[in-house]
Amino acid sequence: MQGYLLLLSAINGFTADETASGEQAGAGGGPAGGDGQSQQEMAAMFAGYMGALPAEHFPNLRELAGEFSLADDGERFELLLDIFVDGLGRRARSGGR
């Protein structure tokens, strides 16, 4: 039952993020809502910022800067579900509640 309730929460959160007004930040790094161009511009700006951080202090963030681009919403949702189901499976196999 807890897995079901958590899955609903995850789906509701994803849906809220994807349908929020353009003023709010989406999970993919750009503003939720609005047109795809502005989302891509925000993602590029964020990736540029991360890539410009001092390497001696933020080597990992610099290395991952390119990963902050927007992903396809469908692919992100499928990944969310895959991670959720995999986690539930591991928990069930280990005898967790």
PDB file of N, CA and C in Angstrom:
ATOM      1  N   MET A   1       0.822  -1.188   0.000  1.00  0.00           N
ATOM      2  CA  MET A   1       0.000   0.000   0.000  1.00  0.00           C
ATOM      3  C   MET A   1       0.872   1.259   0.000  1.00  0.00           C
ATOM      4  N   GLN A   2       1.960   1.232   0.794  1.00  0.00           N
ATOM      5  CA  GLN A   2       2.840   2.413   0.832  1.00  0.00           C
ATOM      6  C   GLN A   2       3.481   2.660  -0.533  1.00  0.00           C
ATOM      7  N   GLY A   3       3.858   1.586  -1.235  1.00  0.00           N
ATOM      8  CA  GLY A   3       4.422   1.741  -2.572  1.00  0.00           C
ATOM      9  C   GLY A   3       3.440   2.391  -3.525  1.00  0.00           C
ATOM     10  N   TYR A   4       2.175   1.984  -3.448  1.00  0.00           N
ATOM     11  CA  TYR A   4       1.127   2.566  -4.284  1.00  0.00           C
ATOM     12  C   TYR A   4       0.971   4.063  -3.987  1.00  0.00           C
ATOM     13  N   LEU A   5       0.928   4.407  -2.703  1.00  0.00           N
ATOM     14  CA  LEU A   5       0.770   5.817  -2.320  1.00  0.00           C
ATOM     15  C   LEU A   5       1.971   6.651  -2.752  1.00  0.00           C
ATOM     16  N   LEU A   6       3.168   6.085  -2.614  1.00  0.00           N
ATOM     17  CA  LEU A   6       4.361   6.811  -3.047  1.00  0.00           C
ATOM     18  C   LEU A   6       4.400   6.969  -4.565  1.00  0.00           C
ATOM     19  N   LEU A   7       3.954   5.947  -5.289  1.00  0.00           N
ATOM     20  CA  LEU A   7       3.905   6.053  -6.744  1.00  0.00           C
ATOM     21  C   LEU A   7       2.953   7.172  -7.166  1.00  0.00           C
ATOM     22  N   LEU A   8       1.785   7.245  -6.528  1.00  0.00           N
ATOM     23  CA  LEU A   8       0.867   8.336  -6.834  1.00  0.00           C
ATOM     24  C   LEU A   8       1.507   9.695  -6.554  1.00  0.00           C
ATOM     25  N   SER A   9       2.229   9.795  -5.450  1.00  0.00           N
ATOM     26  CA  SER A   9       2.906  11.052  -5.125  1.00  0.00           C
ATOM     27  C   SER A   9       3.943  11.399  -6.184  1.00  0.00           C
ATOM     28  N   ALA A  10       4.714  10.411  -6.634  1.00  0.00           N
ATOM     29  CA  ALA A  10       5.734  10.653  -7.652  1.00  0.00           C
ATOM     30  C   ALA A  10       5.091  11.099  -8.964  1.00  0.00           C
ATOM     31  N   ILE A  11       4.022  10.450  -9.362  1.00  0.00           N
ATOM     32  CA  ILE A  11       3.330  10.815 -10.599  1.00  0.00           C
ATOM     33  C   ILE A  11       2.713  12.201 -10.478  1.00  0.00           C
ATOM     34  N   ASN A  12       2.091  12.483  -9.342  1.00  0.00           N
ATOM     35  CA  ASN A  12       1.514  13.817  -9.146  1.00  0.00           C
ATOM     36  C   ASN A  12       2.589  14.890  -9.175  1.00  0.00           C
ATOM     37  N   GLY A  13       3.734  14.627  -8.553  1.00  0.00           N
ATOM     38  CA  GLY A  13       4.833  15.592  -8.563  1.00  0.00           C
ATOM     39  C   GLY A  13       5.359  15.830  -9.966  1.00  0.00           C
ATOM     40  N   PHE A  14       5.540  14.762 -10.721  1.00  0.00           N
ATOM     41  CA  PHE A  14       6.022  14.890 -12.093  1.00  0.00           C
ATOM     42  C   PHE A  14       5.022  15.693 -12.922  1.00  0.00           C
ATOM     43  N   THR A  15       3.750  15.366 -12.776  1.00  0.00           N
ATOM     44  CA  THR A  15       2.697  16.066 -13.521  1.00  0.00           C
ATOM     45  C   THR A  15       2.639  17.538 -13.141  1.00  0.00           C
ATOM     46  N   ALA A  16       2.726  17.831 -11.856  1.00  0.00           N
ATOM     47  CA  ALA A  16       2.696  19.232 -11.416  1.00  0.00           C
ATOM     48  C   ALA A  16       3.892  19.993 -11.970  1.00  0.00           C
ATOM     49  N   ASP A  17       5.050  19.358 -11.979  1.00  0.00           N
ATOM     50  CA  ASP A  17       6.253  19.995 -12.503  1.00  0.00           C
ATOM     51  C   ASP A  17       6.119  20.288 -13.994  1.00  0.00           C
ATOM     52  N   GLU A  18       5.547  19.367 -14.723  1.00  0.00           N
ATOM     53  CA  GLU A  18       5.423  19.520 -16.167  1.00  0.00           C
ATOM     54  C   GLU A  18       4.317  20.480 -16.579  1.00  0.00           C
ATOM     55  N   THR A  19       3.365  20.753 -15.705  1.00  0.00           N
ATOM     56  CA  THR A  19       2.240  21.619 -16.070  1.00  0.00           C
ATOM     57  C   THR A  19       2.230  22.940 -15.318  1.00  0.00           C
ATOM     58  N   ALA A  20       3.292  23.223 -14.542  1.00  0.00           N
ATOM     59  CA  ALA A  20       3.353  24.461 -13.765  1.00  0.00           C
ATOM     60  C   ALA A  20       3.444  25.664 -14.689  1.00  0.00           C
ATOM     61  N   SER A  21       3.191  26.825 -14.128  1.00  0.00           N
ATOM     62  CA  SER A  21       3.280  28.055 -14.924  1.00  0.00           C
ATOM     63  C   SER A  21       4.729  28.314 -15.307  1.00  0.00           C
ATOM     64  N   GLY A  22       4.956  29.132 -16.296  1.00  0.00           N
ATOM     65  CA  GLY A  22       6.286  29.455 -16.790  1.00  0.00           C
ATOM     66  C   GLY A  22       7.164  30.146 -15.771  1.00  0.00           C
ATOM     67  N   GLU A  23       6.616  30.614 -14.681  1.00  0.00           N
ATOM     68  CA  GLU A  23       7.406  31.295 -13.658  1.00  0.00           C
ATOM     69  C   GLU A  23       8.165  30.332 -12.765  1.00  0.00           C
ATOM     70  N   GLN A  24       7.734  29.062 -12.739  1.00  0.00           N
ATOM     71  CA  GLN A  24       8.348  28.094 -11.847  1.00  0.00           C
ATOM     72  C   GLN A  24       9.364  27.271 -12.607  1.00  0.00           C
ATOM     73  N   ALA A  25      10.400  26.833 -11.914  1.00  0.00           N
ATOM     74  CA  ALA A  25      11.433  26.020 -12.542  1.00  0.00           C
ATOM     75  C   ALA A  25      10.963  24.588 -12.662  1.00  0.00           C
ATOM     76  N   GLY A  26      11.222  23.972 -13.797  1.00  0.00           N
ATOM     77  CA  GLY A  26      10.910  22.564 -13.999  1.00  0.00           C
ATOM     78  C   GLY A  26      12.081  21.697 -13.587  1.00  0.00           C
ATOM     79  N   ALA A  27      11.834  20.422 -13.465  1.00  0.00           N
ATOM     80  CA  ALA A  27      12.860  19.485 -13.011  1.00  0.00           C
ATOM     81  C   ALA A  27      13.989  19.352 -14.016  1.00  0.00           C
ATOM     82  N   GLY A  28      13.724  19.597 -15.276  1.00  0.00           N
ATOM     83  CA  GLY A  28      14.748  19.455 -16.287  1.00  0.00           C
ATOM     84  C   GLY A  28      15.705  20.622 -16.359  1.00  0.00           C
ATOM     85  N   GLY A  29      15.582  21.595 -15.480  1.00  0.00           N
ATOM     86  CA  GLY A  29      16.504  22.710 -15.459  1.00  0.00           C
ATOM     87  C   GLY A  29      15.956  23.972 -16.073  1.00  0.00           C
ATOM     88  N   GLY A  30      14.882  23.880 -16.830  1.00  0.00           N
ATOM     89  CA  GLY A  30      14.298  25.062 -17.445  1.00  0.00           C
ATOM     90  C   GLY A  30      12.977  25.377 -16.814  1.00  0.00           C
ATOM     91  N   PRO A  31      12.375  26.478 -17.210  1.00  0.00           N
ATOM     92  CA  PRO A  31      11.085  26.809 -16.626  1.00  0.00           C
ATOM     93  C   PRO A  31      10.033  25.821 -17.090  1.00  0.00           C
ATOM     94  N   ALA A  32       9.183  25.386 -16.193  1.00  0.00           N
ATOM     95  CA  ALA A  32       8.088  24.498 -16.567  1.00  0.00           C
ATOM     96  C   ALA A  32       7.060  25.322 -17.332  1.00  0.00           C
ATOM     97  N   GLY A  33       6.352  24.686 -18.210  1.00  0.00           N
ATOM     98  CA  GLY A  33       5.400  25.426 -19.026  1.00  0.00           C
ATOM     99  C   GLY A  33       6.156  26.250 -20.054  1.00  0.00           C
ATOM    100  N   GLY A  34       5.532  27.195 -20.676  1.00  0.00           N
ATOM    101  CA  GLY A  34       6.205  28.044 -21.651  1.00  0.00           C
ATOM    102  C   GLY A  34       6.565  27.260 -22.895  1.00  0.00           C
ATOM    103  N   ASP A  35       7.263  27.927 -23.814  1.00  0.00           N
ATOM    104  CA  ASP A  35       7.602  27.242 -25.050  1.00  0.00           C
ATOM    105  C   ASP A  35       8.925  26.494 -24.928  1.00  0.00           C
ATOM    106  N   GLY A  36       9.130  25.529 -25.813  1.00  0.00           N
ATOM    107  CA  GLY A  36      10.323  24.698 -25.789  1.00  0.00           C
ATOM    108  C   GLY A  36      11.599  25.492 -25.985  1.00  0.00           C
ATOM    109  N   GLN A  37      11.529  26.564 -26.771  1.00  0.00           N
ATOM    110  CA  GLN A  37      12.717  27.382 -27.008  1.00  0.00           C
ATOM    111  C   GLN A  37      13.221  28.000 -25.713  1.00  0.00           C
ATOM    112  N   SER A  38      12.345  28.591 -24.914  1.00  0.00           N
ATOM    113  CA  SER A  38      12.798  29.214 -23.672  1.00  0.00           C
ATOM    114  C   SER A  38      13.313  28.167 -22.696  1.00  0.00           C
ATOM    115  N   GLN A  39      12.731  26.982 -22.703  1.00  0.00           N
ATOM    116  CA  GLN A  39      13.235  25.906 -21.855  1.00  0.00           C
ATOM    117  C   GLN A  39      14.638  25.515 -22.281  1.00  0.00           C
ATOM    118  N   GLN A  40      14.862  25.396 -23.568  1.00  0.00           N
ATOM    119  CA  GLN A  40      16.195  25.041 -24.073  1.00  0.00           C
ATOM    120  C   GLN A  40      17.213  26.129 -23.753  1.00  0.00           C
ATOM    121  N   GLU A  41      16.798  27.388 -23.870  1.00  0.00           N
ATOM    122  CA  GLU A  41      17.705  28.496 -23.538  1.00  0.00           C
ATOM    123  C   GLU A  41      18.094  28.469 -22.065  1.00  0.00           C
ATOM    124  N   MET A  42      17.121  28.218 -21.187  1.00  0.00           N
ATOM    125  CA  MET A  42      17.419  28.146 -19.759  1.00  0.00           C
ATOM    126  C   MET A  42      18.333  26.966 -19.449  1.00  0.00           C
ATOM    127  N   ALA A  43      18.106  25.836 -20.092  1.00  0.00           N
ATOM    128  CA  ALA A  43      18.949  24.667 -19.877  1.00  0.00           C
ATOM    129  C   ALA A  43      20.384  24.956 -20.323  1.00  0.00           C
ATOM    130  N   ALA A  44      20.533  25.608 -21.471  1.00  0.00           N
ATOM    131  CA  ALA A  44      21.865  25.950 -21.967  1.00  0.00           C
ATOM    132  C   ALA A  44      22.554  26.938 -21.038  1.00  0.00           C
ATOM    133  N   MET A  45      21.801  27.910 -20.523  1.00  0.00           N
ATOM    134  CA  MET A  45      22.369  28.887 -19.607  1.00  0.00           C
ATOM    135  C   MET A  45      22.851  28.197 -18.319  1.00  0.00           C
ATOM    136  N   PHE A  46      22.044  27.294 -17.785  1.00  0.00           N
ATOM    137  CA  PHE A  46      22.409  26.586 -16.560  1.00  0.00           C
ATOM    138  C   PHE A  46      23.628  25.702 -16.792  1.00  0.00           C
ATOM    139  N   ALA A  47      23.655  24.983 -17.910  1.00  0.00           N
ATOM    140  CA  ALA A  47      24.804  24.137 -18.232  1.00  0.00           C
ATOM    141  C   ALA A  47      26.063  24.989 -18.385  1.00  0.00           C
ATOM    142  N   GLY A  48      25.938  26.168 -19.015  1.00  0.00           N
ATOM    143  CA  GLY A  48      27.083  27.066 -19.151  1.00  0.00           C
ATOM    144  C   GLY A  48      27.591  27.552 -17.810  1.00  0.00           C
ATOM    145  N   TYR A  49      26.668  27.871 -16.916  1.00  0.00           N
ATOM    146  CA  TYR A  49      27.049  28.314 -15.569  1.00  0.00           C
ATOM    147  C   TYR A  49      27.815  27.214 -14.845  1.00  0.00           C
ATOM    148  N   MET A  50      27.279  25.996 -14.885  1.00  0.00           N
ATOM    149  CA  MET A  50      27.938  24.875 -14.196  1.00  0.00           C
ATOM    150  C   MET A  50      29.319  24.610 -14.792  1.00  0.00           C
ATOM    151  N   GLY A  51      29.420  24.718 -16.113  1.00  0.00           N
ATOM    152  CA  GLY A  51      30.699  24.480 -16.778  1.00  0.00           C
ATOM    153  C   GLY A  51      31.726  25.561 -16.498  1.00  0.00           C
ATOM    154  N   ALA A  52      31.283  26.740 -16.064  1.00  0.00           N
ATOM    155  CA  ALA A  52      32.194  27.848 -15.789  1.00  0.00           C
ATOM    156  C   ALA A  52      32.648  27.905 -14.330  1.00  0.00           C
ATOM    157  N   LEU A  53      32.147  27.014 -13.499  1.00  0.00           N
ATOM    158  CA  LEU A  53      32.574  27.003 -12.095  1.00  0.00           C
ATOM    159  C   LEU A  53      34.055  26.667 -11.998  1.00  0.00           C
ATOM    160  N   PRO A  54      34.748  27.154 -10.961  1.00  0.00           N
ATOM    161  CA  PRO A  54      36.181  26.859 -10.825  1.00  0.00           C
ATOM    162  C   PRO A  54      36.436  25.353 -10.696  1.00  0.00           C
ATOM    163  N   ALA A  55      37.262  24.823 -11.576  1.00  0.00           N
ATOM    164  CA  ALA A  55      37.525  23.382 -11.623  1.00  0.00           C
ATOM    165  C   ALA A  55      38.113  22.853 -10.319  1.00  0.00           C
ATOM    166  N   GLU A  56      38.930  23.664  -9.653  1.00  0.00           N
ATOM    167  CA  GLU A  56      39.568  23.184  -8.422  1.00  0.00           C
ATOM    168  C   GLU A  56      38.571  23.016  -7.274  1.00  0.00           C
ATOM    169  N   HIS A  57      37.448  23.707  -7.339  1.00  0.00           N
ATOM    170  CA  HIS A  57      36.441  23.615  -6.276  1.00  0.00           C
ATOM    171  C   HIS A  57      35.247  22.749  -6.660  1.00  0.00           C
ATOM    172  N   PHE A  58      34.933  22.673  -7.943  1.00  0.00           N
ATOM    173  CA  PHE A  58      33.722  21.979  -8.397  1.00  0.00           C
ATOM    174  C   PHE A  58      34.000  21.047  -9.582  1.00  0.00           C
ATOM    175  N   PRO A  59      34.955  20.138  -9.453  1.00  0.00           N
ATOM    176  CA  PRO A  59      35.278  19.290 -10.602  1.00  0.00           C
ATOM    177  C   PRO A  59      34.118  18.405 -11.043  1.00  0.00           C
ATOM    178  N   ASN A  60      33.354  17.898 -10.107  1.00  0.00           N
ATOM    179  CA  ASN A  60      32.245  17.003 -10.471  1.00  0.00           C
ATOM    180  C   ASN A  60      31.120  17.751 -11.176  1.00  0.00           C
ATOM    181  N   LEU A  61      30.769  18.932 -10.675  1.00  0.00           N
ATOM    182  CA  LEU A  61      29.717  19.705 -11.332  1.00  0.00           C
ATOM    183  C   LEU A  61      30.140  20.127 -12.734  1.00  0.00           C
ATOM    184  N   ARG A  62      31.397  20.485 -12.891  1.00  0.00           N
ATOM    185  CA  ARG A  62      31.893  20.855 -14.227  1.00  0.00           C
ATOM    186  C   ARG A  62      31.815  19.672 -15.183  1.00  0.00           C
ATOM    187  N   GLU A  63      32.170  18.503 -14.669  1.00  0.00           N
ATOM    188  CA  GLU A  63      32.134  17.296 -15.505  1.00  0.00           C
ATOM    189  C   GLU A  63      30.704  16.960 -15.938  1.00  0.00           C
ATOM    190  N   LEU A  64      29.749  17.246 -15.073  1.00  0.00           N
ATOM    191  CA  LEU A  64      28.349  16.924 -15.357  1.00  0.00           C
ATOM    192  C   LEU A  64      27.574  18.061 -16.017  1.00  0.00           C
ATOM    193  N   ALA A  65      28.222  19.169 -16.314  1.00  0.00           N
ATOM    194  CA  ALA A  65      27.528  20.353 -16.830  1.00  0.00           C
ATOM    195  C   ALA A  65      26.651  20.030 -18.035  1.00  0.00           C
ATOM    196  N   GLY A  66      27.128  19.216 -18.934  1.00  0.00           N
ATOM    197  CA  GLY A  66      26.367  18.873 -20.130  1.00  0.00           C
ATOM    198  C   GLY A  66      25.124  18.048 -19.853  1.00  0.00           C
ATOM    199  N   GLU A  67      25.067  17.438 -18.687  1.00  0.00           N
ATOM    200  CA  GLU A  67      23.919  16.604 -18.327  1.00  0.00           C
ATOM    201  C   GLU A  67      22.719  17.425 -17.867  1.00  0.00           C
ATOM    202  N   PHE A  68      22.887  18.726 -17.700  1.00  0.00           N
ATOM    203  CA  PHE A  68      21.804  19.569 -17.214  1.00  0.00           C
ATOM    204  C   PHE A  68      20.895  20.059 -18.336  1.00  0.00           C
ATOM    205  N   SER A  69      20.997  19.446 -19.495  1.00  0.00           N
ATOM    206  CA  SER A  69      20.113  19.829 -20.587  1.00  0.00           C
ATOM    207  C   SER A  69      18.762  19.156 -20.401  1.00  0.00           C
ATOM    208  N   LEU A  70      17.768  19.679 -21.083  1.00  0.00           N
ATOM    209  CA  LEU A  70      16.426  19.116 -20.964  1.00  0.00           C
ATOM    210  C   LEU A  70      16.354  17.760 -21.650  1.00  0.00           C
ATOM    211  N   ALA A  71      15.614  16.869 -21.044  1.00  0.00           N
ATOM    212  CA  ALA A  71      15.379  15.559 -21.633  1.00  0.00           C
ATOM    213  C   ALA A  71      13.939  15.498 -22.113  1.00  0.00           C
ATOM    214  N   ASP A  72      13.671  14.550 -22.946  1.00  0.00           N
ATOM    215  CA  ASP A  72      12.311  14.314 -23.403  1.00  0.00           C
ATOM    216  C   ASP A  72      11.443  13.961 -22.196  1.00  0.00           C
ATOM    217  N   ASP A  73      10.288  14.615 -22.072  1.00  0.00           N
ATOM    218  CA  ASP A  73       9.412  14.379 -20.929  1.00  0.00           C
ATOM    219  C   ASP A  73       9.014  12.915 -20.811  1.00  0.00           C
ATOM    220  N   GLY A  74       8.727  12.276 -21.928  1.00  0.00           N
ATOM    221  CA  GLY A  74       8.347  10.858 -21.906  1.00  0.00           C
ATOM    222  C   GLY A  74       9.475   9.982 -21.395  1.00  0.00           C
ATOM    223  N   GLU A  75      10.705  10.270 -21.846  1.00  0.00           N
ATOM    224  CA  GLU A  75      11.865   9.502 -21.381  1.00  0.00           C
ATOM    225  C   GLU A  75      12.096   9.716 -19.890  1.00  0.00           C
ATOM    226  N   ARG A  76      11.936  10.951 -19.430  1.00  0.00           N
ATOM    227  CA  ARG A  76      12.119  11.242 -17.999  1.00  0.00           C
ATOM    228  C   ARG A  76      11.079  10.515 -17.172  1.00  0.00           C
ATOM    229  N   PHE A  77       9.830  10.470 -17.654  1.00  0.00           N
ATOM    230  CA  PHE A  77       8.771   9.788 -16.920  1.00  0.00           C
ATOM    231  C   PHE A  77       9.032   8.287 -16.871  1.00  0.00           C
ATOM    232  N   GLU A  78       9.460   7.712 -17.990  1.00  0.00           N
ATOM    233  CA  GLU A  78       9.788   6.280 -18.008  1.00  0.00           C
ATOM    234  C   GLU A  78      10.933   5.973 -17.051  1.00  0.00           C
ATOM    235  N   LEU A  79      11.941   6.835 -16.999  1.00  0.00           N
ATOM    236  CA  LEU A  79      13.048   6.646 -16.071  1.00  0.00           C
ATOM    237  C   LEU A  79      12.551   6.710 -14.626  1.00  0.00           C
ATOM    238  N   LEU A  80      11.674   7.661 -14.326  1.00  0.00           N
ATOM    239  CA  LEU A  80      11.083   7.757 -12.993  1.00  0.00           C
ATOM    240  C   LEU A  80      10.410   6.447 -12.609  1.00  0.00           C
ATOM    241  N   LEU A  81       9.595   5.918 -13.502  1.00  0.00           N
ATOM    242  CA  LEU A  81       8.896   4.669 -13.211  1.00  0.00           C
ATOM    243  C   LEU A  81       9.857   3.495 -13.074  1.00  0.00           C
ATOM    244  N   ASP A  82      10.868   3.424 -13.954  1.00  0.00           N
ATOM    245  CA  ASP A  82      11.860   2.347 -13.871  1.00  0.00           C
ATOM    246  C   ASP A  82      12.587   2.358 -12.532  1.00  0.00           C
ATOM    247  N   ILE A  83      13.040   3.525 -12.111  1.00  0.00           N
ATOM    248  CA  ILE A  83      13.757   3.642 -10.841  1.00  0.00           C
ATOM    249  C   ILE A  83      12.839   3.278  -9.685  1.00  0.00           C
ATOM    250  N   PHE A  84      11.609   3.715  -9.742  1.00  0.00           N
ATOM    251  CA  PHE A  84      10.653   3.432  -8.675  1.00  0.00           C
ATOM    252  C   PHE A  84      10.395   1.931  -8.576  1.00  0.00           C
ATOM    253  N   VAL A  85      10.092   1.296  -9.698  1.00  0.00           N
ATOM    254  CA  VAL A  85       9.789  -0.136  -9.703  1.00  0.00           C
ATOM    255  C   VAL A  85      11.019  -0.951  -9.308  1.00  0.00           C
ATOM    256  N   ASP A  86      12.195  -0.570  -9.809  1.00  0.00           N
ATOM    257  CA  ASP A  86      13.428  -1.272  -9.415  1.00  0.00           C
ATOM    258  C   ASP A  86      13.643  -1.196  -7.911  1.00  0.00           C
ATOM    259  N   GLY A  87      13.419  -0.021  -7.333  1.00  0.00           N
ATOM    260  CA  GLY A  87      13.579   0.151  -5.891  1.00  0.00           C
ATOM    261  C   GLY A  87      12.592  -0.690  -5.099  1.00  0.00           C
ATOM    262  N   LEU A  88      11.349  -0.730  -5.555  1.00  0.00           N
ATOM    263  CA  LEU A  88      10.354  -1.570  -4.883  1.00  0.00           C
ATOM    264  C   LEU A  88      10.746  -3.048  -4.967  1.00  0.00           C
ATOM    265  N   GLY A  89      11.235  -3.448  -6.131  1.00  0.00           N
ATOM    266  CA  GLY A  89      11.663  -4.840  -6.301  1.00  0.00           C
ATOM    267  C   GLY A  89      12.800  -5.201  -5.367  1.00  0.00           C
ATOM    268  N   ARG A  90      13.801  -4.339  -5.269  1.00  0.00           N
ATOM    269  CA  ARG A  90      14.932  -4.589  -4.358  1.00  0.00           C
ATOM    270  C   ARG A  90      14.461  -4.667  -2.931  1.00  0.00           C
ATOM    271  N   ARG A  91      13.576  -3.775  -2.562  1.00  0.00           N
ATOM    272  CA  ARG A  91      13.057  -3.758  -1.188  1.00  0.00           C
ATOM    273  C   ARG A  91      12.284  -5.034  -0.884  1.00  0.00           C
ATOM    274  N   ALA A  92      11.471  -5.482  -1.832  1.00  0.00           N
ATOM    275  CA  ALA A  92      10.690  -6.715  -1.642  1.00  0.00           C
ATOM    276  C   ALA A  92      11.617  -7.920  -1.510  1.00  0.00           C
ATOM    277  N   ARG A  93      12.667  -7.987  -2.342  1.00  0.00           N
ATOM    278  CA  ARG A  93      13.605  -9.119  -2.278  1.00  0.00           C
ATOM    279  C   ARG A  93      14.390  -9.142  -0.971  1.00  0.00           C
ATOM    280  N   SER A  94      14.615  -7.951  -0.380  1.00  0.00           N
ATOM    281  CA  SER A  94      15.390  -7.910   0.870  1.00  0.00           C
ATOM    282  C   SER A  94      14.507  -8.091   2.103  1.00  0.00           C
ATOM    283  N   GLY A  95      13.221  -8.269   1.885  1.00  0.00           N
ATOM    284  CA  GLY A  95      12.310  -8.472   3.000  1.00  0.00           C
ATOM    285  C   GLY A  95      11.827  -7.203   3.665  1.00  0.00           C
ATOM    286  N   GLY A  96      12.103  -6.029   3.039  1.00  0.00           N
ATOM    287  CA  GLY A  96      11.626  -4.760   3.583  1.00  0.00           C
ATOM    288  C   GLY A  96      10.129  -4.639   3.475  1.00  0.00           C
ATOM    289  N   ARG A  97       9.548  -3.829   4.321  1.00  0.00           N
ATOM    290  CA  ARG A  97       8.089  -3.642   4.282  1.00  0.00           C
ATOM    291  C   ARG A  97       7.655  -2.849   3.101  1.00  0.00           C
TER     292      ARG A  97
END
